[in-house]
Protein backbone atom coordinates (compact mmCIF):
# COMPACT_ATOMS: atom_id res chain seq x y z
CA MET A 1 -0.04 -0.02 0.07
CA PRO A 2 1.46 3.43 -0.88
CA ALA A 3 2.47 5.74 1.90
CA ASP A 4 0.01 8.30 0.93
CA PHE A 5 -2.81 5.94 0.22
CA LEU A 6 -5.43 8.59 0.87
CA GLN A 7 -3.73 11.07 -1.45
CA LEU A 8 -4.20 13.98 0.97
CA ALA A 9 -0.65 15.22 1.14
CA GLY A 10 -0.52 18.81 -0.14
CA LYS A 11 -4.10 19.35 0.02
CA THR A 12 -5.93 22.06 2.02
CA VAL A 13 -9.04 21.39 4.16
CA LEU A 14 -11.09 23.90 6.32
CA VAL A 15 -12.24 22.23 9.58
CA ALA A 16 -15.03 24.11 11.29
CA GLY A 17 -16.20 23.37 14.83
CA VAL A 18 -13.15 22.48 17.01
CA ALA A 19 -14.01 23.22 20.58
CA ASN A 20 -11.35 21.23 22.45
CA ARG A 21 -9.27 18.08 22.22
CA LYS A 22 -12.30 15.80 22.69
CA SER A 23 -14.14 17.30 19.59
CA VAL A 24 -14.75 15.15 16.60
CA ALA A 25 -13.44 18.09 14.56
CA TRP A 26 -10.11 18.08 16.47
CA HIS A 27 -9.59 14.42 15.81
CA ILE A 28 -10.24 14.97 12.08
CA ALA A 29 -7.84 17.94 11.98
CA ARG A 30 -5.12 16.03 13.72
CA LEU A 31 -5.41 13.12 11.32
CA LEU A 32 -5.46 15.34 8.42
CA THR A 33 -2.33 17.05 9.56
CA GLU A 34 -0.65 13.64 10.05
CA ALA A 35 -1.40 12.92 6.39
CA ASP A 36 0.53 16.13 5.41
CA CYS A 37 -2.57 17.92 4.71
CA ARG A 38 -2.75 21.61 5.56
CA VAL A 39 -5.71 22.42 7.83
CA LEU A 40 -7.45 25.75 8.29
CA TYR A 41 -9.67 26.10 11.34
CA SER A 42 -12.95 27.98 11.94
CA VAL A 43 -14.02 28.59 15.52
CA ARG A 44 -16.89 30.46 16.99
CA SER A 45 -15.23 33.18 19.11
CA PRO A 46 -11.89 34.91 19.75
CA GLU A 47 -11.86 33.07 23.15
CA ARG A 48 -12.12 29.70 21.40
CA ARG A 49 -9.52 30.77 18.93
CA GLU A 50 -6.99 31.29 21.71
CA GLN A 51 -7.87 27.89 23.15
CA VAL A 52 -7.64 26.10 19.79
CA ALA A 53 -4.52 27.86 18.72
CA LYS A 54 -2.70 26.31 21.65
CA LEU A 55 -3.79 22.76 20.57
CA VAL A 56 -2.70 23.43 17.00
CA SER A 57 0.72 24.75 18.07
CA ASN A 58 1.39 21.52 19.84
CA ILE A 59 1.03 19.23 16.83
CA SER A 60 3.65 18.87 14.18
CA GLY A 61 2.69 20.84 11.03
CA GLY A 62 0.12 22.85 12.85
CA ASN A 63 -0.04 26.61 12.28
CA PRO A 64 -2.01 28.59 15.08
CA ASP A 65 -2.23 31.42 12.59
CA ASP A 66 -4.63 29.34 10.58
CA VAL A 67 -7.26 29.40 13.29
CA LEU A 68 -9.97 31.74 12.04
CA VAL A 69 -12.96 33.13 13.91
CA CYS A 70 -16.52 32.73 12.39
CA ASP A 71 -19.85 32.84 14.42
CA VAL A 72 -22.20 31.23 11.79
CA GLU A 73 -25.07 33.09 13.28
CA HIS A 74 -23.76 36.22 11.46
CA GLU A 75 -23.56 36.25 7.67
CA ASP A 76 -21.07 39.05 7.56
CA GLN A 77 -18.64 36.69 9.60
CA ILE A 78 -19.23 33.83 7.09
CA GLU A 79 -18.25 36.11 4.22
CA ARG A 80 -15.31 37.40 6.10
CA LEU A 81 -14.20 33.71 6.74
CA ALA A 82 -14.42 33.07 2.93
CA ASP A 83 -12.20 36.07 2.33
CA GLU A 84 -9.68 34.99 4.90
CA VAL A 85 -9.65 31.42 3.50
CA ALA A 86 -8.94 33.03 0.08
CA SER A 87 -6.13 34.98 1.43
CA ARG A 88 -4.46 31.77 2.72
CA CYS A 89 -4.97 29.37 -0.14
CA GLU A 90 -5.64 29.25 -3.86
CA VAL A 91 -7.82 26.04 -3.69
CA LEU A 92 -9.81 24.45 -0.90
CA ASP A 93 -9.88 20.78 -1.35
CA GLY A 94 -12.28 19.87 1.51
CA PHE A 95 -14.52 21.31 4.14
CA VAL A 96 -15.63 19.75 7.46
CA HIS A 97 -18.83 21.04 8.99
CA SER A 98 -18.82 19.89 12.58
CA ILE A 99 -21.12 22.59 13.95
CA ALA A 100 -24.03 21.79 16.21
CA PHE A 101 -25.84 23.89 18.86
CA ALA A 102 -29.01 23.30 20.80
CA ASP A 103 -30.77 26.28 22.48
CA TYR A 104 -31.93 24.94 25.81
CA GLU A 105 -32.31 28.18 27.54
CA ASP A 106 -35.87 27.31 28.34
CA GLY A 107 -34.71 23.84 29.71
CA MET A 108 -35.57 20.39 28.61
CA LYS A 109 -39.17 20.10 27.47
CA ALA A 110 -41.42 17.60 25.64
CA PHE A 111 -40.92 17.96 21.81
CA HIS A 112 -44.29 19.53 21.15
CA GLU A 113 -43.44 22.38 23.73
CA THR A 114 -40.31 23.48 21.78
CA SER A 115 -40.40 27.09 21.32
CA LYS A 116 -40.20 28.66 17.76
CA ARG A 117 -37.25 30.77 18.82
CA ALA A 118 -35.16 27.80 20.18
CA PHE A 119 -35.99 25.65 17.13
CA LEU A 120 -35.18 28.22 14.50
CA ARG A 121 -31.92 29.34 16.20
CA THR A 122 -30.80 25.66 16.48
CA MET A 123 -31.73 25.13 12.85
CA ASP A 124 -29.79 28.12 11.76
CA VAL A 125 -26.55 27.15 13.56
CA SER A 126 -26.74 23.37 13.19
CA CYS A 127 -28.25 23.04 9.67
CA TYR A 128 -28.46 26.19 7.66
CA SER A 129 -24.80 26.96 8.42
CA LEU A 130 -23.71 24.12 6.09
CA LEU A 131 -25.59 25.70 3.26
CA ALA A 132 -24.35 29.24 4.04
CA MET A 133 -20.73 28.28 4.42
CA SER A 134 -20.63 26.05 1.37
CA ARG A 135 -22.12 28.90 -0.62
CA ALA A 136 -19.57 31.41 0.64
CA LEU A 137 -16.71 28.97 -0.11
CA LYS A 138 -17.94 27.87 -3.42
CA GLU A 139 -15.58 29.89 -5.59
CA ARG A 140 -12.58 28.69 -3.43
CA PHE A 141 -13.39 24.86 -3.70
CA ALA A 142 -11.49 22.67 -6.04
CA ARG A 143 -13.68 21.24 -8.77
CA ASP A 144 -13.67 17.84 -7.06
CA ALA A 145 -13.68 19.11 -3.48
CA SER A 146 -15.30 17.07 -0.69
CA VAL A 147 -17.63 18.43 1.97
CA VAL A 148 -18.31 16.30 4.97
CA THR A 149 -20.74 17.16 7.91
CA ILE A 150 -21.15 15.28 11.19
CA SER A 151 -24.58 13.91 11.76
CA ILE A 152 -26.02 11.18 14.07
CA SER A 153 -26.54 7.54 13.44
CA THR A 154 -30.40 7.76 13.41
CA THR A 155 -32.97 10.50 13.26
CA ARG A 156 -35.84 7.99 13.63
CA MET A 157 -35.40 7.19 17.24
CA ALA A 158 -37.21 9.54 19.58
CA SER A 159 -34.61 10.01 22.29
CA GLU A 160 -36.30 12.20 24.84
CA ASN A 161 -33.12 13.72 26.19
CA TYR A 162 -31.84 14.70 22.64
CA GLY A 163 -34.84 16.95 22.27
CA TYR A 164 -35.44 18.51 18.90
CA MET A 165 -31.95 18.01 17.57
CA ALA A 166 -32.82 14.75 15.72
CA PRO A 167 -35.38 16.53 13.43
CA ILE A 168 -32.80 19.20 12.76
CA LYS A 169 -30.06 16.63 11.95
CA ALA A 170 -32.65 14.98 9.58
CA ALA A 171 -32.89 18.29 7.85
CA LEU A 172 -29.08 18.47 7.74
CA ASP A 173 -28.92 15.01 6.18
CA SER A 174 -31.52 15.90 3.67
CA SER A 175 -29.66 19.02 2.62
CA LEU A 176 -26.78 16.81 1.29
CA ALA A 177 -28.63 15.69 -1.75
CA PHE A 178 -29.84 19.29 -2.55
CA LEU A 179 -26.49 20.85 -2.10
CA ALA A 180 -24.79 18.13 -4.32
CA LYS A 181 -27.37 18.62 -6.97
CA SER A 182 -27.02 22.35 -6.89
CA PHE A 183 -23.20 22.37 -7.03
CA SER A 184 -23.22 19.68 -9.76
CA ALA A 185 -24.18 22.30 -12.38
CA ASP A 186 -20.59 23.35 -12.58
CA SER A 187 -18.41 21.05 -10.47
CA GLU A 188 -17.98 17.57 -8.99
CA ILE A 189 -18.13 18.67 -5.38
CA ARG A 190 -19.40 15.98 -3.18
CA PHE A 191 -21.47 16.26 0.13
CA ASN A 192 -21.65 13.41 2.65
CA ALA A 193 -22.20 12.90 6.29
CA VAL A 194 -20.63 10.73 9.01
CA ALA A 195 -23.58 9.49 10.96
CA ALA A 196 -22.03 8.88 14.33
CA GLY A 197 -23.27 6.77 17.22
CA LEU A 198 -23.17 8.18 20.78
CA LEU A 199 -19.83 9.64 21.60
CA LYS A 200 -17.97 10.90 24.67
CA THR A 201 -17.55 14.66 23.83
CA SER A 202 -17.69 17.89 25.98
CA ALA A 203 -20.91 18.88 24.04
CA SER A 204 -22.66 15.48 24.77
CA ALA A 205 -21.72 15.74 28.44
CA GLY A 206 -24.12 18.69 28.78
CA ILE A 207 -27.12 16.73 27.58
CA PRO A 208 -29.30 15.61 30.56
CA GLY A 209 -29.39 11.81 30.87
CA TYR A 210 -26.84 11.28 28.18
CA VAL A 211 -24.43 9.15 30.25
CA ASP A 212 -27.24 6.62 30.78
CA SER A 213 -28.01 6.56 27.08
CA TYR A 214 -24.30 6.22 26.18
CA LEU A 215 -23.94 3.21 28.47
CA PHE A 216 -26.99 1.59 26.92
CA ALA A 217 -25.76 2.26 23.42
CA GLU A 218 -22.43 0.65 24.38
CA GLN A 219 -24.12 -2.48 25.35
CA ALA A 220 -26.30 -2.43 22.25
CA THR A 221 -23.36 -2.43 19.86
CA LEU A 222 -22.47 -5.84 18.41
CA ARG A 223 -19.12 -5.72 20.05
CA HIS A 224 -20.36 -4.27 23.35
CA ARG A 225 -17.85 -1.41 23.06
CA ALA A 226 -18.70 2.15 22.30
CA VAL A 227 -17.80 3.94 19.08
CA SER A 228 -14.74 6.05 19.56
CA THR A 229 -14.28 9.65 18.41
CA GLU A 230 -11.18 8.42 16.45
CA GLU A 231 -13.34 5.89 14.45
CA VAL A 232 -15.69 8.66 13.45
CA ALA A 233 -12.75 10.96 12.48
CA SER A 234 -11.16 8.28 10.41
CA THR A 235 -14.31 7.81 8.35
CA ALA A 236 -14.52 11.61 7.88
CA VAL A 237 -10.94 11.75 6.65
CA PHE A 238 -11.66 8.91 4.25
CA LEU A 239 -14.68 10.81 2.83
CA LEU A 240 -12.47 13.90 2.43
CA SER A 241 -9.86 11.92 0.44
CA PRO A 242 -9.90 11.26 -3.33
CA ARG A 243 -10.24 7.62 -2.50
CA SER A 244 -13.92 8.12 -1.84
CA ALA A 245 -14.53 9.97 -5.08
CA GLY A 246 -17.54 7.74 -5.96
CA ILE A 247 -19.42 8.47 -2.74
CA ASN A 248 -21.89 11.40 -2.91
CA THR A 249 -25.04 12.44 -0.95
CA GLN A 250 -24.66 9.55 1.61
CA ARG A 251 -24.80 9.04 5.33
CA VAL A 252 -21.99 6.78 6.43
CA VAL A 253 -23.28 5.24 9.61
CA VAL A 254 -20.53 4.60 12.27
CA ASP A 255 -22.30 2.93 15.28
CA ALA A 256 -20.57 -0.43 15.64
CA GLY A 257 -23.73 -2.20 14.46
CA MET A 258 -25.86 -0.77 17.26
CA GLU A 259 -28.91 -0.20 14.87
CA THR A 260 -29.08 -4.01 14.26
CA ASN A 261 -28.77 -5.16 17.76
CA TYR A 262 -31.74 -3.52 19.73
CA PHE A 263 -33.11 -7.05 20.53
CA ASP A 264 -29.75 -8.41 21.99
CA ALA A 265 -30.73 -11.29 24.29
CA ASP A 266 -28.75 -10.07 27.21
CA ILE A 267 -30.33 -6.60 27.09
CA VAL A 268 -33.87 -7.93 26.67
CA ARG A 269 -33.27 -10.32 29.54
CA ARG A 270 -31.96 -7.56 31.84
CA CYS A 271 -34.97 -5.35 30.97
CA VAL A 272 -37.53 -8.13 31.59
CA GLU A 273 -36.01 -9.30 34.79
CA GLY A 274 -35.85 -5.69 36.00
CA SER A 275 -39.37 -4.91 35.28
């Protein structure tokens, strides 16, 4: 196998959404850097930029000056990001959209009690931002660039503690086909998602009841071992590479087989005996 099997050396990828070293986006960025790929970063605030710049400076090949600020709730900042990317590279070979935010200012409520304000703000940040950022970066993308977003393994399971994020992730998933079709008029840019099972991240730690759901999900996998952030990142890196050129508008599920194992005999037995 060639040393550069993924053919990422010398390419440039923008990674949006790094929060800390536990972030999926950070694991993706680190793997890309190890593959001799130049990584540009987009983070939400100047404070986050300072934190992420420290992480970047500690990896070989990382450049803290390539950490840019863009709060996707503001269109002028998205346009500014596109200009800053253009000043740093002639061609952008890939874009990672790992941005998600849920407005729980009103607390956790039943889905039908979700406020319009909370729903629309969360949709703006977690879904519409993919469209807005892709549009702003369009002229910078290579003709065969790869865009990868981070989704969830299923949007059909009504997890109460995940609230209204699943319907918004469903909209994100649906956007892939429409973006790919729209961009296909004058390019071969691909749009795919890594649909991850439950992960241990800082963001997930803030979801009420998440730990219990995570422990259940771990037992429901076929291997009885949870999906790792590294496994999700590795799939994203593959989708960013030319080796995945034939994959477009797809959700690649990374859940260690959980969706096939809900009726695992041991789990069923424990539930029945405990009832």
